[in-house]
Amino acid sequence: MFRPVKTRKVYEEIVAQIKKLIVDGKLQPGDKLLSERELSERLNVSRASVREAFSALEMMGVITIRPGEGSFVRQVSYEGMLEPLSFYLQIEMNDIMQLLEVRKILEIETAALAAVRATAEDIQDLHRALQQMVEEVNSGEIGEIADSSFHFAVAKAANNPILIKMMNTVADLMTNTFRVSRQRLFLVENMPGLIHHSHQAIYEAIAAKNPQAARHKMQEHLTMVEEVMIRLKQDRVSSLKGGGSIFLPADKEDQVASS
């Protein structure tokens, strides 16, 4: 069922293999995954890598981890309503700009709800995803899995099951576009630090239980990404490198570093 892990970030390969097994129908909703030990032995990887993969999959809403029982593929409700939307998105929404429009509709108010409803565990999940993003970028990766995990952790913190199901519908598309958009965004000078600053601000607003600030910081983040992507799409990377309204003042530019 599984194949040997290829050379890339190990947990990302594990995530990709499990998701493919689900898409192919080889893993069904409710199926129990192999334990961390069994899967690490089967794939010849560390248990830490399997644990990291399971954590990412749980944040994406793909699996449920039940302490003392194991990890299970999630059962998605409202299939008749959501599957046509998922099908449409896979075919039509290849343009990052279109997805950004959808994300603005979903995620700005989601951040405000998260600031009101987040539990201590939710805040820890957000912080963990934020730190994972930093570690990935500092190790030379672009951090799209951690980026996706962060935004799905925000949705989870909003504590609205229907909203989470809607986010799950676009999960694969979001992860793929995070990869493509980050590859392009990182062409811009100081952008890794700016992206980190933006996510940090969202996290701090939610942790402070400030819905107005959370709403504003998420809108600011998505607008920033949209502005840069528009300029990059127009092949005007050089116009960004000199600074501009979307960049922080020089004395506030953050470099991506552990905090």
C-alpha atoms as a PDB file:
ATOM      1  CA  MET A   1       0.000   0.000   0.000  1.00  0.00           C
ATOM      2  CA  PHE A   2       2.802   2.416   0.912  1.00  0.00           C
ATOM      3  CA  ARG A   3       5.977   3.035  -1.082  1.00  0.00           C
ATOM      4  CA  PRO A   4       9.469   4.014   0.124  1.00  0.00           C
ATOM      5  CA  VAL A   5       9.813   7.703   1.001  1.00  0.00           C
ATOM      6  CA  LYS A   6      11.613   9.795  -1.615  1.00  0.00           C
ATOM      7  CA  THR A   7      14.057  12.560  -0.783  1.00  0.00           C
ATOM      8  CA  ARG A   8      12.173  15.692   0.207  1.00  0.00           C
ATOM      9  CA  LYS A   9      10.984  16.851   3.615  1.00  0.00           C
ATOM     10  CA  VAL A  10      10.018  13.499   5.080  1.00  0.00           C
ATOM     11  CA  TYR A  11       6.746  14.390   6.761  1.00  0.00           C
ATOM     12  CA  GLU A  12       5.525  16.105   3.571  1.00  0.00           C
ATOM     13  CA  GLU A  13       6.039  12.873   1.626  1.00  0.00           C
ATOM     14  CA  ILE A  14       4.129  10.934   4.283  1.00  0.00           C
ATOM     15  CA  VAL A  15       1.284  13.476   4.139  1.00  0.00           C
ATOM     16  CA  ALA A  16       1.199  13.213   0.328  1.00  0.00           C
ATOM     17  CA  GLN A  17       1.110   9.410   0.372  1.00  0.00           C
ATOM     18  CA  ILE A  18      -1.721   9.225   2.917  1.00  0.00           C
ATOM     19  CA  LYS A  19      -3.771  11.834   1.063  1.00  0.00           C
ATOM     20  CA  LYS A  20      -3.277   9.958  -2.217  1.00  0.00           C
ATOM     21  CA  LEU A  21      -4.466   6.722  -0.606  1.00  0.00           C
ATOM     22  CA  ILE A  22      -7.617   8.549   0.512  1.00  0.00           C
ATOM     23  CA  VAL A  23      -8.203  10.130  -2.921  1.00  0.00           C
ATOM     24  CA  ASP A  24      -7.677   6.738  -4.593  1.00  0.00           C
ATOM     25  CA  GLY A  25     -10.214   5.137  -2.253  1.00  0.00           C
ATOM     26  CA  LYS A  26      -7.681   2.804  -0.639  1.00  0.00           C
ATOM     27  CA  LEU A  27      -8.343   4.477   2.687  1.00  0.00           C
ATOM     28  CA  GLN A  28     -11.995   5.141   3.525  1.00  0.00           C
ATOM     29  CA  PRO A  29     -13.573   7.462   6.105  1.00  0.00           C
ATOM     30  CA  GLY A  30     -13.386   5.762   9.477  1.00  0.00           C
ATOM     31  CA  ASP A  31     -10.393   3.584   8.547  1.00  0.00           C
ATOM     32  CA  LYS A  32      -7.683   3.400  11.172  1.00  0.00           C
ATOM     33  CA  LEU A  33      -4.158   4.274  10.067  1.00  0.00           C
ATOM     34  CA  LEU A  34      -1.111   2.300  11.070  1.00  0.00           C
ATOM     35  CA  SER A  35       0.390   3.360  14.380  1.00  0.00           C
ATOM     36  CA  GLU A  36       3.388   5.722  14.466  1.00  0.00           C
ATOM     37  CA  ARG A  37       5.685   2.787  15.139  1.00  0.00           C
ATOM     38  CA  GLU A  38       4.211   0.573  12.421  1.00  0.00           C
ATOM     39  CA  LEU A  39       4.217   3.320   9.814  1.00  0.00           C
ATOM     40  CA  SER A  40       7.751   4.432  10.677  1.00  0.00           C
ATOM     41  CA  GLU A  41       8.958   0.843  10.243  1.00  0.00           C
ATOM     42  CA  ARG A  42       6.988   0.379   6.989  1.00  0.00           C
ATOM     43  CA  LEU A  43       8.386   3.598   5.479  1.00  0.00           C
ATOM     44  CA  ASN A  44      11.801   3.389   7.112  1.00  0.00           C
ATOM     45  CA  VAL A  45      11.512   6.853   8.645  1.00  0.00           C
ATOM     46  CA  SER A  46      11.634   8.201  12.191  1.00  0.00           C
ATOM     47  CA  ARG A  47       8.593   8.172  14.436  1.00  0.00           C
ATOM     48  CA  ALA A  48       9.054  11.933  14.824  1.00  0.00           C
ATOM     49  CA  SER A  49       8.470  12.363  11.072  1.00  0.00           C
ATOM     50  CA  VAL A  50       5.301  10.246  11.226  1.00  0.00           C
ATOM     51  CA  ARG A  51       4.099  12.217  14.254  1.00  0.00           C
ATOM     52  CA  GLU A  52       4.697  15.495  12.383  1.00  0.00           C
ATOM     53  CA  ALA A  53       2.784  14.160   9.364  1.00  0.00           C
ATOM     54  CA  PHE A  54      -0.154  13.065  11.529  1.00  0.00           C
ATOM     55  CA  SER A  55      -0.218  16.487  13.191  1.00  0.00           C
ATOM     56  CA  ALA A  56      -0.303  18.230   9.796  1.00  0.00           C
ATOM     57  CA  LEU A  57      -3.065  15.929   8.543  1.00  0.00           C
ATOM     58  CA  GLU A  58      -5.127  16.542  11.673  1.00  0.00           C
ATOM     59  CA  MET A  59      -4.797  20.319  11.292  1.00  0.00           C
ATOM     60  CA  MET A  60      -5.929  19.991   7.666  1.00  0.00           C
ATOM     61  CA  GLY A  61      -8.965  18.057   8.854  1.00  0.00           C
ATOM     62  CA  VAL A  62      -7.970  14.901   6.976  1.00  0.00           C
ATOM     63  CA  ILE A  63      -7.659  12.637  10.026  1.00  0.00           C
ATOM     64  CA  THR A  64      -8.778  12.525  13.643  1.00  0.00           C
ATOM     65  CA  ILE A  65      -6.319  11.519  16.362  1.00  0.00           C
ATOM     66  CA  ARG A  66      -7.948   9.807  19.334  1.00  0.00           C
ATOM     67  CA  PRO A  67      -5.603   9.410  22.307  1.00  0.00           C
ATOM     68  CA  GLY A  68      -5.297   5.756  23.265  1.00  0.00           C
ATOM     69  CA  GLU A  69      -7.132   4.588  20.145  1.00  0.00           C
ATOM     70  CA  GLY A  70      -5.149   5.762  17.121  1.00  0.00           C
ATOM     71  CA  SER A  71      -5.543   7.926  14.022  1.00  0.00           C
ATOM     72  CA  PHE A  72      -8.600   7.658  11.788  1.00  0.00           C
ATOM     73  CA  VAL A  73      -9.597   9.005   8.386  1.00  0.00           C
ATOM     74  CA  ARG A  74     -12.286  11.619   8.875  1.00  0.00           C
ATOM     75  CA  GLN A  75     -15.855  11.168   7.725  1.00  0.00           C
ATOM     76  CA  VAL A  76     -16.934  14.203   5.707  1.00  0.00           C
ATOM     77  CA  SER A  77     -20.609  15.086   5.959  1.00  0.00           C
ATOM     78  CA  TYR A  78     -22.728  16.990   3.450  1.00  0.00           C
ATOM     79  CA  GLU A  79     -21.001  15.093   0.644  1.00  0.00           C
ATOM     80  CA  GLY A  80     -23.789  15.696  -1.827  1.00  0.00           C
ATOM     81  CA  MET A  81     -23.458  19.442  -1.280  1.00  0.00           C
ATOM     82  CA  LEU A  82     -19.683  19.737  -1.120  1.00  0.00           C
ATOM     83  CA  GLU A  83     -18.467  17.284  -3.766  1.00  0.00           C
ATOM     84  CA  PRO A  84     -19.770  19.325  -6.740  1.00  0.00           C
ATOM     85  CA  LEU A  85     -18.000  22.370  -5.295  1.00  0.00           C
ATOM     86  CA  SER A  86     -14.792  20.396  -4.839  1.00  0.00           C
ATOM     87  CA  PHE A  87     -15.049  19.105  -8.418  1.00  0.00           C
ATOM     88  CA  TYR A  88     -15.544  22.625  -9.731  1.00  0.00           C
ATOM     89  CA  LEU A  89     -12.586  23.938  -7.759  1.00  0.00           C
ATOM     90  CA  GLN A  90     -10.240  21.245  -9.027  1.00  0.00           C
ATOM     91  CA  ILE A  91     -11.123  22.001 -12.633  1.00  0.00           C
ATOM     92  CA  GLU A  92     -11.661  25.755 -12.720  1.00  0.00           C
ATOM     93  CA  MET A  93      -9.782  27.401  -9.850  1.00  0.00           C
ATOM     94  CA  ASN A  94      -6.208  27.119 -11.005  1.00  0.00           C
ATOM     95  CA  ASP A  95      -5.723  30.845 -10.713  1.00  0.00           C
ATOM     96  CA  ILE A  96      -4.281  31.859  -7.358  1.00  0.00           C
ATOM     97  CA  MET A  97      -6.088  35.171  -7.553  1.00  0.00           C
ATOM     98  CA  GLN A  98      -9.479  33.455  -7.644  1.00  0.00           C
ATOM     99  CA  LEU A  99      -8.627  31.399  -4.595  1.00  0.00           C
ATOM    100  CA  LEU A 100      -7.513  34.540  -2.768  1.00  0.00           C
ATOM    101  CA  GLU A 101     -10.970  35.992  -3.361  1.00  0.00           C
ATOM    102  CA  VAL A 102     -12.530  32.877  -1.820  1.00  0.00           C
ATOM    103  CA  ARG A 103     -10.092  32.982   1.088  1.00  0.00           C
ATOM    104  CA  LYS A 104     -11.020  36.602   1.816  1.00  0.00           C
ATOM    105  CA  ILE A 105     -14.674  35.623   2.010  1.00  0.00           C
ATOM    106  CA  LEU A 106     -13.955  32.699   4.355  1.00  0.00           C
ATOM    107  CA  GLU A 107     -10.931  33.611   6.399  1.00  0.00           C
ATOM    108  CA  ILE A 108     -11.344  37.238   7.480  1.00  0.00           C
ATOM    109  CA  GLU A 109     -14.434  36.603   9.608  1.00  0.00           C
ATOM    110  CA  THR A 110     -13.048  33.202  10.568  1.00  0.00           C
ATOM    111  CA  ALA A 111     -10.116  34.944  12.244  1.00  0.00           C
ATOM    112  CA  ALA A 112     -12.499  37.141  14.225  1.00  0.00           C
ATOM    113  CA  LEU A 113     -14.494  34.108  15.368  1.00  0.00           C
ATOM    114  CA  ALA A 114     -11.265  32.340  16.312  1.00  0.00           C
ATOM    115  CA  ALA A 115     -10.289  35.269  18.525  1.00  0.00           C
ATOM    116  CA  VAL A 116     -13.577  34.884  20.407  1.00  0.00           C
ATOM    117  CA  ARG A 117     -13.751  31.094  20.595  1.00  0.00           C
ATOM    118  CA  ALA A 118     -10.169  29.778  20.605  1.00  0.00           C
ATOM    119  CA  THR A 119      -9.266  27.434  23.442  1.00  0.00           C
ATOM    120  CA  ALA A 120      -5.830  27.158  25.017  1.00  0.00           C
ATOM    121  CA  GLU A 121      -5.256  24.077  22.861  1.00  0.00           C
ATOM    122  CA  ASP A 122      -6.196  26.027  19.721  1.00  0.00           C
ATOM    123  CA  ILE A 123      -3.690  28.744  20.615  1.00  0.00           C
ATOM    124  CA  GLN A 124      -1.017  26.072  21.060  1.00  0.00           C
ATOM    125  CA  ASP A 125      -1.853  24.606  17.636  1.00  0.00           C
ATOM    126  CA  LEU A 126      -1.500  28.041  16.039  1.00  0.00           C
ATOM    127  CA  HIS A 127       1.801  28.656  17.787  1.00  0.00           C
ATOM    128  CA  ARG A 128       3.094  25.235  16.756  1.00  0.00           C
ATOM    129  CA  ALA A 129       2.185  25.866  13.106  1.00  0.00           C
ATOM    130  CA  LEU A 130       3.811  29.304  13.261  1.00  0.00           C
ATOM    131  CA  GLN A 131       7.027  27.875  14.691  1.00  0.00           C
ATOM    132  CA  GLN A 132       6.992  25.059  12.134  1.00  0.00           C
ATOM    133  CA  MET A 133       6.739  27.662   9.372  1.00  0.00           C
ATOM    134  CA  VAL A 134       9.788  29.464  10.778  1.00  0.00           C
ATOM    135  CA  GLU A 135      11.798  26.235  11.036  1.00  0.00           C
ATOM    136  CA  GLU A 136      10.956  25.213   7.474  1.00  0.00           C
ATOM    137  CA  VAL A 137      11.942  28.576   6.012  1.00  0.00           C
ATOM    138  CA  ASN A 138      15.141  28.719   8.062  1.00  0.00           C
ATOM    139  CA  SER A 139      16.070  25.257   6.746  1.00  0.00           C
ATOM    140  CA  GLY A 140      15.657  26.383   3.142  1.00  0.00           C
ATOM    141  CA  GLU A 141      12.093  25.201   2.561  1.00  0.00           C
ATOM    142  CA  ILE A 142       9.229  27.463   1.490  1.00  0.00           C
ATOM    143  CA  GLY A 143       6.950  26.315   4.314  1.00  0.00           C
ATOM    144  CA  GLU A 144       3.716  25.749   2.426  1.00  0.00           C
ATOM    145  CA  ILE A 145       2.567  22.819   4.600  1.00  0.00           C
ATOM    146  CA  ALA A 146       3.017  24.805   7.804  1.00  0.00           C
ATOM    147  CA  ASP A 147       1.346  27.807   6.147  1.00  0.00           C
ATOM    148  CA  SER A 148      -1.652  25.644   5.285  1.00  0.00           C
ATOM    149  CA  SER A 149      -1.657  24.151   8.794  1.00  0.00           C
ATOM    150  CA  PHE A 150      -1.699  27.636  10.325  1.00  0.00           C
ATOM    151  CA  HIS A 151      -4.741  28.753   8.345  1.00  0.00           C
ATOM    152  CA  PHE A 152      -6.596  25.516   9.032  1.00  0.00           C
ATOM    153  CA  ALA A 153      -5.769  25.885  12.731  1.00  0.00           C
ATOM    154  CA  VAL A 154      -7.431  29.315  12.597  1.00  0.00           C
ATOM    155  CA  ALA A 155     -10.526  27.695  11.076  1.00  0.00           C
ATOM    156  CA  LYS A 156     -10.527  24.983  13.732  1.00  0.00           C
ATOM    157  CA  ALA A 157     -10.294  27.636  16.457  1.00  0.00           C
ATOM    158  CA  ALA A 158     -13.455  29.294  15.094  1.00  0.00           C
ATOM    159  CA  ASN A 159     -15.326  26.188  16.319  1.00  0.00           C
ATOM    160  CA  ASN A 160     -17.826  26.055  13.460  1.00  0.00           C
ATOM    161  CA  PRO A 161     -18.083  22.534  11.966  1.00  0.00           C
ATOM    162  CA  ILE A 162     -19.664  23.690   8.704  1.00  0.00           C
ATOM    163  CA  LEU A 163     -16.935  26.279   8.192  1.00  0.00           C
ATOM    164  CA  ILE A 164     -14.296  23.606   8.758  1.00  0.00           C
ATOM    165  CA  LYS A 165     -15.980  21.352   6.182  1.00  0.00           C
ATOM    166  CA  MET A 166     -15.949  24.189   3.669  1.00  0.00           C
ATOM    167  CA  MET A 167     -12.243  24.748   4.324  1.00  0.00           C
ATOM    168  CA  ASN A 168     -11.622  21.011   3.952  1.00  0.00           C
ATOM    169  CA  THR A 169     -13.291  21.141   0.535  1.00  0.00           C
ATOM    170  CA  VAL A 170     -10.564  23.435  -0.752  1.00  0.00           C
ATOM    171  CA  ALA A 171      -7.775  21.845   1.331  1.00  0.00           C
ATOM    172  CA  ASP A 172      -5.765  20.301  -1.516  1.00  0.00           C
ATOM    173  CA  LEU A 173      -6.180  23.357  -3.693  1.00  0.00           C
ATOM    174  CA  MET A 174      -5.068  25.638  -0.867  1.00  0.00           C
ATOM    175  CA  THR A 175      -1.973  23.570  -0.112  1.00  0.00           C
ATOM    176  CA  ASN A 176      -0.999  23.479  -3.780  1.00  0.00           C
ATOM    177  CA  THR A 177      -1.514  27.206  -4.249  1.00  0.00           C
ATOM    178  CA  PHE A 178       0.387  27.943  -1.042  1.00  0.00           C
ATOM    179  CA  ARG A 179       3.310  26.118  -2.636  1.00  0.00           C
ATOM    180  CA  VAL A 180       3.096  27.994  -5.934  1.00  0.00           C
ATOM    181  CA  SER A 181       2.399  31.393  -4.386  1.00  0.00           C
ATOM    182  CA  ARG A 182       5.224  31.073  -1.844  1.00  0.00           C
ATOM    183  CA  GLN A 183       7.644  30.096  -4.601  1.00  0.00           C
ATOM    184  CA  ARG A 184       6.729  33.310  -6.393  1.00  0.00           C
ATOM    185  CA  LEU A 185       6.502  35.503  -3.302  1.00  0.00           C
ATOM    186  CA  PHE A 186       9.967  34.460  -2.191  1.00  0.00           C
ATOM    187  CA  LEU A 187      11.352  36.059  -5.357  1.00  0.00           C
ATOM    188  CA  VAL A 188      10.657  39.379  -3.665  1.00  0.00           C
ATOM    189  CA  GLU A 189      13.289  40.882  -1.394  1.00  0.00           C
ATOM    190  CA  ASN A 190      12.527  40.609   2.359  1.00  0.00           C
ATOM    191  CA  MET A 191       9.287  38.714   1.672  1.00  0.00           C
ATOM    192  CA  PRO A 192      10.015  35.729   3.986  1.00  0.00           C
ATOM    193  CA  GLY A 193      10.376  38.102   6.914  1.00  0.00           C
ATOM    194  CA  LEU A 194       7.273  40.038   5.941  1.00  0.00           C
ATOM    195  CA  ILE A 195       5.181  36.880   5.656  1.00  0.00           C
ATOM    196  CA  HIS A 196       6.386  35.743   9.072  1.00  0.00           C
ATOM    197  CA  HIS A 197       5.510  39.130  10.557  1.00  0.00           C
ATOM    198  CA  SER A 198       2.032  38.932   9.006  1.00  0.00           C
ATOM    199  CA  HIS A 199       1.276  35.471  10.413  1.00  0.00           C
ATOM    200  CA  GLN A 200       2.724  36.451  13.791  1.00  0.00           C
ATOM    201  CA  ALA A 201       0.343  39.429  13.933  1.00  0.00           C
ATOM    202  CA  ILE A 202      -2.661  37.185  13.229  1.00  0.00           C
ATOM    203  CA  TYR A 203      -1.550  34.768  15.931  1.00  0.00           C
ATOM    204  CA  GLU A 204      -1.049  37.535  18.489  1.00  0.00           C
ATOM    205  CA  ALA A 205      -4.485  39.043  17.800  1.00  0.00           C
ATOM    206  CA  ILE A 206      -6.218  35.672  18.236  1.00  0.00           C
ATOM    207  CA  ALA A 207      -4.198  34.839  21.347  1.00  0.00           C
ATOM    208  CA  ALA A 208      -5.140  38.263  22.792  1.00  0.00           C
ATOM    209  CA  LYS A 209      -8.843  37.477  22.182  1.00  0.00           C
ATOM    210  CA  ASN A 210      -9.179  40.601  20.044  1.00  0.00           C
ATOM    211  CA  PRO A 211     -11.625  39.868  17.199  1.00  0.00           C
ATOM    212  CA  GLN A 212     -11.329  43.310  15.612  1.00  0.00           C
ATOM    213  CA  ALA A 213      -7.547  43.045  15.417  1.00  0.00           C
ATOM    214  CA  ALA A 214      -7.720  39.437  14.198  1.00  0.00           C
ATOM    215  CA  ARG A 215     -10.126  40.427  11.427  1.00  0.00           C
ATOM    216  CA  HIS A 216      -7.915  43.371  10.431  1.00  0.00           C
ATOM    217  CA  LYS A 217      -4.661  41.382  10.485  1.00  0.00           C
ATOM    218  CA  MET A 218      -6.097  38.556   8.379  1.00  0.00           C
ATOM    219  CA  GLN A 219      -7.459  41.052   5.853  1.00  0.00           C
ATOM    220  CA  GLU A 220      -4.124  42.846   5.822  1.00  0.00           C
ATOM    221  CA  HIS A 221      -2.286  39.552   5.282  1.00  0.00           C
ATOM    222  CA  LEU A 222      -4.467  38.382   2.389  1.00  0.00           C
ATOM    223  CA  THR A 223      -4.451  41.824   0.765  1.00  0.00           C
ATOM    224  CA  MET A 224      -0.671  41.952   0.998  1.00  0.00           C
ATOM    225  CA  VAL A 225      -0.357  38.566  -0.709  1.00  0.00           C
ATOM    226  CA  GLU A 226      -2.877  39.610  -3.348  1.00  0.00           C
ATOM    227  CA  GLU A 227      -1.040  42.860  -4.113  1.00  0.00           C
ATOM    228  CA  VAL A 228       2.303  41.121  -4.486  1.00  0.00           C
ATOM    229  CA  MET A 229       0.855  38.353  -6.627  1.00  0.00           C
ATOM    230  CA  ILE A 230      -0.793  40.891  -8.941  1.00  0.00           C
ATOM    231  CA  ARG A 231       2.512  42.678  -9.423  1.00  0.00           C
ATOM    232  CA  LEU A 232       4.394  39.446  -9.950  1.00  0.00           C
ATOM    233  CA  LYS A 233       1.769  38.322 -12.438  1.00  0.00           C
ATOM    234  CA  GLN A 234       2.437  41.518 -14.370  1.00  0.00           C
ATOM    235  CA  ASP A 235       6.169  40.758 -14.392  1.00  0.00           C
ATOM    236  CA  ARG A 236       6.970  43.766 -12.306  1.00  0.00           C
ATOM    237  CA  VAL A 237       9.165  42.143  -9.672  1.00  0.00           C
ATOM    238  CA  SER A 238      11.655  44.986  -9.990  1.00  0.00           C
ATOM    239  CA  SER A 239       9.037  47.526  -8.888  1.00  0.00           C
ATOM    240  CA  LEU A 240       8.674  45.652  -5.594  1.00  0.00           C
ATOM    241  CA  LYS A 241      12.336  45.482  -4.720  1.00  0.00           C
ATOM    242  CA  GLY A 242      12.610  49.184  -4.081  1.00  0.00           C
ATOM    243  CA  GLY A 243       9.945  49.081  -1.364  1.00  0.00           C
ATOM    244  CA  GLY A 244       6.401  50.417  -1.435  1.00  0.00           C
ATOM    245  CA  SER A 245       3.207  50.513   0.542  1.00  0.00           C
ATOM    246  CA  ILE A 246       3.085  46.754   1.063  1.00  0.00           C
ATOM    247  CA  PHE A 247       6.482  46.648   2.776  1.00  0.00           C
ATOM    248  CA  LEU A 248       7.270  47.426   6.383  1.00  0.00           C
ATOM    249  CA  PRO A 249       9.598  50.325   7.165  1.00  0.00           C
ATOM    250  CA  ALA A 250      13.238  49.237   7.115  1.00  0.00           C
ATOM    251  CA  ASP A 251      13.557  49.361  10.898  1.00  0.00           C
ATOM    252  CA  LYS A 252      10.609  46.978  11.299  1.00  0.00           C
ATOM    253  CA  GLU A 253      11.484  44.376   8.707  1.00  0.00           C
ATOM    254  CA  ASP A 254      11.500  41.020  10.447  1.00  0.00           C
ATOM    255  CA  GLN A 255      13.828  38.241   9.452  1.00  0.00           C
ATOM    256  CA  VAL A 256      12.429  34.757   9.842  1.00  0.00           C
ATOM    257  CA  ALA A 257      13.839  33.464  13.119  1.00  0.00           C
ATOM    258  CA  SER A 258      12.720  31.368  16.057  1.00  0.00           C
ATOM    259  CA  SER A 259      10.902  33.306  18.740  1.00  0.00           C
END
